[in-house]
Structures are given as structure tokens and as C-alpha cells.
Amino acid sequence: MLADLVDVVIGVDTHKHTHTAAVVLASTGAVLAETTVAADPDGYQELVELADAHGGLRAWALEGSASYGAGLANELGARGELVVELDRPARPPR
């Protein structure tokens, strides 16, 4: 279980122009912080700084790491961060 390996998980919902993230305490699921940043290198840096402010071992859970989250996934991978790909939630037919 991921909660046995890390202290916090940073969940990121990626979009074309922005990424929204929540820092979650792995042991309880408590949300420690939330933010929305630009989907660009400056925004990626903001996310890393937010994660750094919460210390401990961490993992990043990204939705869309092969599409809108590709830039962030590449940046985090280059930094040696643990990145987990999340499947997009099933959406009901329209």
C-alpha cells in the first residue's frame, strides 16, 4: 500500500492551461494544502515548492501524464521524484 511507503501524496489533476494539486497525508487522507498553477515550468516549480513545504517521503499521483501532464511528469522524473500514473475516472455516457 502506498501509505506504507510515503508520508504524503501530491495528487494532480492536469489540464491544458492549469494543473490543480492537493497535498494529502498518506496515512489518513487529510488534505494538507491545495493549489492551482499554470501548466508551465514556473507552475511545476511552484508545485515542487509546495511539496517541499510538507516534507517527508512523497509520491506524485498524476492524471494524464501522457497528455496534459507530460511536461510535469518529465520534470518530476528528471528530479528523481516518484510519479504514479492515475487512470481517468470513468465518465457516464452523455
N, C-alpha and C. Protein backbone atom coordinates (compact mmCIF):
# COMPACT_ATOMS: atom_id res chain seq x y z
N MET A 1 0.84 -1.17 0.00
CA MET A 1 0.00 0.00 0.00
C MET A 1 0.90 1.24 0.00
N LEU A 2 0.51 2.25 -0.76
CA LEU A 2 1.30 3.47 -0.90
C LEU A 2 1.49 4.17 0.45
N ALA A 3 0.49 4.14 1.30
CA ALA A 3 0.58 4.80 2.61
C ALA A 3 1.68 4.20 3.48
N ASP A 4 2.07 2.96 3.19
CA ASP A 4 3.16 2.33 3.94
C ASP A 4 4.53 2.78 3.44
N LEU A 5 4.58 3.42 2.28
CA LEU A 5 5.85 3.80 1.66
C LEU A 5 6.16 5.29 1.74
N VAL A 6 5.14 6.13 1.80
CA VAL A 6 5.36 7.58 1.75
C VAL A 6 4.56 8.27 2.85
N ASP A 7 4.96 9.51 3.13
CA ASP A 7 4.25 10.32 4.13
C ASP A 7 3.13 11.14 3.50
N VAL A 8 3.39 11.68 2.31
CA VAL A 8 2.38 12.49 1.62
C VAL A 8 2.29 12.08 0.16
N VAL A 9 1.12 12.30 -0.40
CA VAL A 9 0.88 12.10 -1.83
C VAL A 9 0.40 13.43 -2.38
N ILE A 10 0.99 13.84 -3.49
CA ILE A 10 0.54 15.05 -4.16
C ILE A 10 -0.25 14.61 -5.38
N GLY A 11 -1.55 14.76 -5.31
CA GLY A 11 -2.43 14.39 -6.41
C GLY A 11 -2.60 15.57 -7.34
N VAL A 12 -2.43 15.34 -8.64
CA VAL A 12 -2.50 16.44 -9.60
C VAL A 12 -3.50 16.12 -10.71
N ASP A 13 -4.46 17.00 -10.87
CA ASP A 13 -5.43 16.93 -11.96
C ASP A 13 -4.91 17.88 -13.03
N THR A 14 -4.49 17.33 -14.16
CA THR A 14 -3.84 18.13 -15.19
C THR A 14 -4.84 18.59 -16.25
N HIS A 15 -4.63 19.81 -16.71
CA HIS A 15 -5.43 20.40 -17.77
C HIS A 15 -4.50 21.12 -18.74
N LYS A 16 -5.03 21.61 -19.82
CA LYS A 16 -4.20 22.24 -20.84
C LYS A 16 -3.46 23.48 -20.31
N HIS A 17 -4.14 24.34 -19.58
CA HIS A 17 -3.54 25.60 -19.15
C HIS A 17 -3.19 25.65 -17.67
N THR A 18 -3.80 24.79 -16.86
CA THR A 18 -3.54 24.78 -15.42
C THR A 18 -3.46 23.36 -14.91
N HIS A 19 -2.82 23.22 -13.75
CA HIS A 19 -2.81 21.95 -13.01
C HIS A 19 -3.29 22.27 -11.60
N THR A 20 -4.19 21.45 -11.09
CA THR A 20 -4.68 21.62 -9.73
C THR A 20 -4.15 20.46 -8.90
N ALA A 21 -3.58 20.80 -7.74
CA ALA A 21 -2.93 19.78 -6.91
C ALA A 21 -3.42 19.85 -5.48
N ALA A 22 -3.38 18.70 -4.82
CA ALA A 22 -3.67 18.61 -3.39
C ALA A 22 -2.58 17.78 -2.74
N VAL A 23 -2.06 18.27 -1.63
CA VAL A 23 -1.11 17.51 -0.83
C VAL A 23 -1.93 16.79 0.22
N VAL A 24 -1.81 15.45 0.24
CA VAL A 24 -2.64 14.62 1.10
C VAL A 24 -1.76 13.79 2.02
N LEU A 25 -2.10 13.75 3.29
CA LEU A 25 -1.39 12.91 4.25
C LEU A 25 -1.72 11.46 3.93
N ALA A 26 -0.72 10.68 3.61
CA ALA A 26 -0.95 9.32 3.12
C ALA A 26 -1.63 8.44 4.17
N SER A 27 -1.32 8.63 5.42
CA SER A 27 -1.87 7.75 6.46
C SER A 27 -3.35 7.96 6.73
N THR A 28 -3.85 9.18 6.50
CA THR A 28 -5.25 9.46 6.84
C THR A 28 -6.09 9.98 5.68
N GLY A 29 -5.45 10.49 4.64
CA GLY A 29 -6.18 11.09 3.54
C GLY A 29 -6.53 12.54 3.79
N ALA A 30 -6.04 13.11 4.89
CA ALA A 30 -6.31 14.51 5.20
C ALA A 30 -5.63 15.41 4.17
N VAL A 31 -6.36 16.40 3.68
CA VAL A 31 -5.81 17.36 2.73
C VAL A 31 -5.05 18.42 3.51
N LEU A 32 -3.75 18.54 3.20
CA LEU A 32 -2.89 19.50 3.89
C LEU A 32 -2.81 20.83 3.16
N ALA A 33 -2.95 20.81 1.83
CA ALA A 33 -2.86 22.03 1.04
C ALA A 33 -3.43 21.77 -0.34
N GLU A 34 -3.91 22.82 -0.99
CA GLU A 34 -4.42 22.75 -2.36
C GLU A 34 -3.95 23.98 -3.11
N THR A 35 -3.73 23.83 -4.41
CA THR A 35 -3.35 24.98 -5.23
C THR A 35 -3.65 24.69 -6.69
N THR A 36 -3.74 25.75 -7.47
CA THR A 36 -3.82 25.66 -8.92
C THR A 36 -2.70 26.52 -9.48
N VAL A 37 -1.94 25.94 -10.42
CA VAL A 37 -0.79 26.64 -11.01
C VAL A 37 -0.88 26.58 -12.53
N ALA A 38 -0.11 27.42 -13.17
CA ALA A 38 0.00 27.37 -14.63
C ALA A 38 0.68 26.08 -15.05
N ALA A 39 0.25 25.54 -16.18
CA ALA A 39 0.84 24.31 -16.71
C ALA A 39 2.08 24.66 -17.52
N ASP A 40 3.10 25.15 -16.82
CA ASP A 40 4.36 25.53 -17.45
C ASP A 40 5.49 25.35 -16.43
N PRO A 41 6.74 25.52 -16.83
CA PRO A 41 7.85 25.28 -15.90
C PRO A 41 7.76 26.08 -14.59
N ASP A 42 7.27 27.31 -14.64
CA ASP A 42 7.12 28.08 -13.40
C ASP A 42 6.08 27.44 -12.49
N GLY A 43 4.99 26.95 -13.07
CA GLY A 43 3.97 26.26 -12.28
C GLY A 43 4.49 24.96 -11.70
N TYR A 44 5.29 24.22 -12.48
CA TYR A 44 5.88 22.98 -11.97
C TYR A 44 6.75 23.28 -10.75
N GLN A 45 7.52 24.37 -10.82
CA GLN A 45 8.37 24.76 -9.70
C GLN A 45 7.53 25.10 -8.47
N GLU A 46 6.41 25.76 -8.67
CA GLU A 46 5.51 26.07 -7.56
C GLU A 46 5.02 24.79 -6.89
N LEU A 47 4.69 23.79 -7.70
CA LEU A 47 4.22 22.52 -7.13
C LEU A 47 5.31 21.84 -6.31
N VAL A 48 6.53 21.85 -6.82
CA VAL A 48 7.64 21.23 -6.08
C VAL A 48 7.87 21.98 -4.77
N GLU A 49 7.80 23.30 -4.80
CA GLU A 49 7.97 24.08 -3.58
C GLU A 49 6.86 23.79 -2.57
N LEU A 50 5.63 23.62 -3.05
CA LEU A 50 4.53 23.26 -2.17
C LEU A 50 4.80 21.90 -1.52
N ALA A 51 5.24 20.94 -2.32
CA ALA A 51 5.55 19.62 -1.79
C ALA A 51 6.70 19.69 -0.79
N ASP A 52 7.73 20.46 -1.10
CA ASP A 52 8.87 20.62 -0.19
C ASP A 52 8.44 21.18 1.16
N ALA A 53 7.45 22.04 1.16
CA ALA A 53 6.98 22.67 2.40
C ALA A 53 6.33 21.66 3.35
N HIS A 54 5.97 20.48 2.82
CA HIS A 54 5.31 19.47 3.65
C HIS A 54 6.23 18.32 4.01
N GLY A 55 7.46 18.34 3.54
CA GLY A 55 8.48 17.38 3.96
C GLY A 55 8.09 15.93 3.89
N GLY A 56 8.99 15.08 4.34
CA GLY A 56 8.76 13.64 4.36
C GLY A 56 8.88 13.00 2.99
N LEU A 57 8.78 11.69 2.99
CA LEU A 57 8.79 10.95 1.73
C LEU A 57 7.48 11.20 1.00
N ARG A 58 7.57 11.32 -0.32
CA ARG A 58 6.36 11.66 -1.07
C ARG A 58 6.29 10.93 -2.39
N ALA A 59 5.06 10.87 -2.89
CA ALA A 59 4.79 10.35 -4.23
C ALA A 59 3.84 11.32 -4.91
N TRP A 60 3.96 11.40 -6.23
CA TRP A 60 3.08 12.24 -7.04
C TRP A 60 2.12 11.33 -7.79
N ALA A 61 0.84 11.62 -7.72
CA ALA A 61 -0.18 10.87 -8.44
C ALA A 61 -0.75 11.79 -9.51
N LEU A 62 -0.43 11.51 -10.78
CA LEU A 62 -0.83 12.38 -11.89
C LEU A 62 -1.89 11.73 -12.75
N GLU A 63 -2.87 12.52 -13.11
CA GLU A 63 -3.83 12.11 -14.12
C GLU A 63 -3.32 12.69 -15.44
N GLY A 64 -3.24 11.88 -16.46
CA GLY A 64 -2.86 12.39 -17.78
C GLY A 64 -1.37 12.64 -17.96
N SER A 65 -0.53 11.77 -17.40
CA SER A 65 0.91 12.00 -17.52
C SER A 65 1.42 11.81 -18.95
N ALA A 66 0.59 11.26 -19.82
CA ALA A 66 1.00 11.10 -21.22
C ALA A 66 0.36 12.17 -22.11
N SER A 67 -0.43 13.05 -21.51
CA SER A 67 -1.05 14.11 -22.32
C SER A 67 -0.79 15.46 -21.65
N TYR A 68 -1.80 16.08 -21.03
CA TYR A 68 -1.61 17.40 -20.44
C TYR A 68 -0.60 17.39 -19.29
N GLY A 69 -0.39 16.26 -18.67
CA GLY A 69 0.57 16.18 -17.57
C GLY A 69 1.97 15.74 -17.99
N ALA A 70 2.21 15.59 -19.28
CA ALA A 70 3.51 15.09 -19.74
C ALA A 70 4.67 15.98 -19.32
N GLY A 71 4.51 17.28 -19.44
CA GLY A 71 5.58 18.19 -19.06
C GLY A 71 5.91 18.08 -17.58
N LEU A 72 4.89 18.03 -16.74
CA LEU A 72 5.09 17.88 -15.30
C LEU A 72 5.72 16.53 -14.99
N ALA A 73 5.22 15.47 -15.61
CA ALA A 73 5.78 14.13 -15.37
C ALA A 73 7.26 14.09 -15.75
N ASN A 74 7.61 14.69 -16.87
CA ASN A 74 9.02 14.73 -17.28
C ASN A 74 9.87 15.50 -16.29
N GLU A 75 9.38 16.65 -15.84
CA GLU A 75 10.11 17.47 -14.88
C GLU A 75 10.32 16.72 -13.56
N LEU A 76 9.26 16.09 -13.07
CA LEU A 76 9.37 15.35 -11.81
C LEU A 76 10.30 14.15 -11.95
N GLY A 77 10.22 13.45 -13.09
CA GLY A 77 11.11 12.32 -13.33
C GLY A 77 12.56 12.75 -13.36
N ALA A 78 12.84 13.90 -13.98
CA ALA A 78 14.21 14.42 -14.04
C ALA A 78 14.73 14.77 -12.65
N ARG A 79 13.83 15.08 -11.74
CA ARG A 79 14.21 15.41 -10.36
C ARG A 79 14.31 14.16 -9.48
N GLY A 80 13.99 13.00 -10.03
CA GLY A 80 14.06 11.77 -9.26
C GLY A 80 12.85 11.53 -8.36
N GLU A 81 11.75 12.21 -8.65
CA GLU A 81 10.53 12.05 -7.85
C GLU A 81 9.81 10.76 -8.23
N LEU A 82 9.09 10.19 -7.28
CA LEU A 82 8.25 9.01 -7.53
C LEU A 82 6.93 9.50 -8.12
N VAL A 83 6.64 9.07 -9.35
CA VAL A 83 5.44 9.50 -10.06
C VAL A 83 4.60 8.27 -10.40
N VAL A 84 3.32 8.35 -10.05
CA VAL A 84 2.37 7.27 -10.32
C VAL A 84 1.31 7.81 -11.27
N GLU A 85 1.04 7.07 -12.34
CA GLU A 85 0.00 7.45 -13.31
C GLU A 85 -1.36 7.00 -12.79
N LEU A 86 -2.32 7.91 -12.81
CA LEU A 86 -3.69 7.57 -12.44
C LEU A 86 -4.54 7.45 -13.69
N ASP A 87 -5.46 6.51 -13.67
CA ASP A 87 -6.41 6.40 -14.77
C ASP A 87 -7.46 7.48 -14.62
N ARG A 88 -7.92 7.96 -15.75
CA ARG A 88 -9.01 8.93 -15.73
C ARG A 88 -10.28 8.25 -15.23
N PRO A 89 -11.02 8.91 -14.36
CA PRO A 89 -12.25 8.27 -13.84
C PRO A 89 -13.22 7.97 -14.97
N ALA A 90 -13.95 6.89 -14.81
CA ALA A 90 -14.98 6.53 -15.79
C ALA A 90 -16.05 7.62 -15.79
N ARG A 91 -16.41 8.02 -16.98
CA ARG A 91 -17.43 9.06 -17.09
C ARG A 91 -18.69 8.44 -17.70
N PRO A 92 -19.85 8.85 -17.20
CA PRO A 92 -21.08 8.28 -17.75
C PRO A 92 -21.28 8.74 -19.20
N PRO A 93 -21.94 7.90 -20.00
CA PRO A 93 -22.24 8.32 -21.38
C PRO A 93 -23.14 9.55 -21.38
N ARG A 94 -22.96 10.38 -22.39
CA ARG A 94 -23.79 11.59 -22.49
C ARG A 94 -25.04 11.32 -23.27
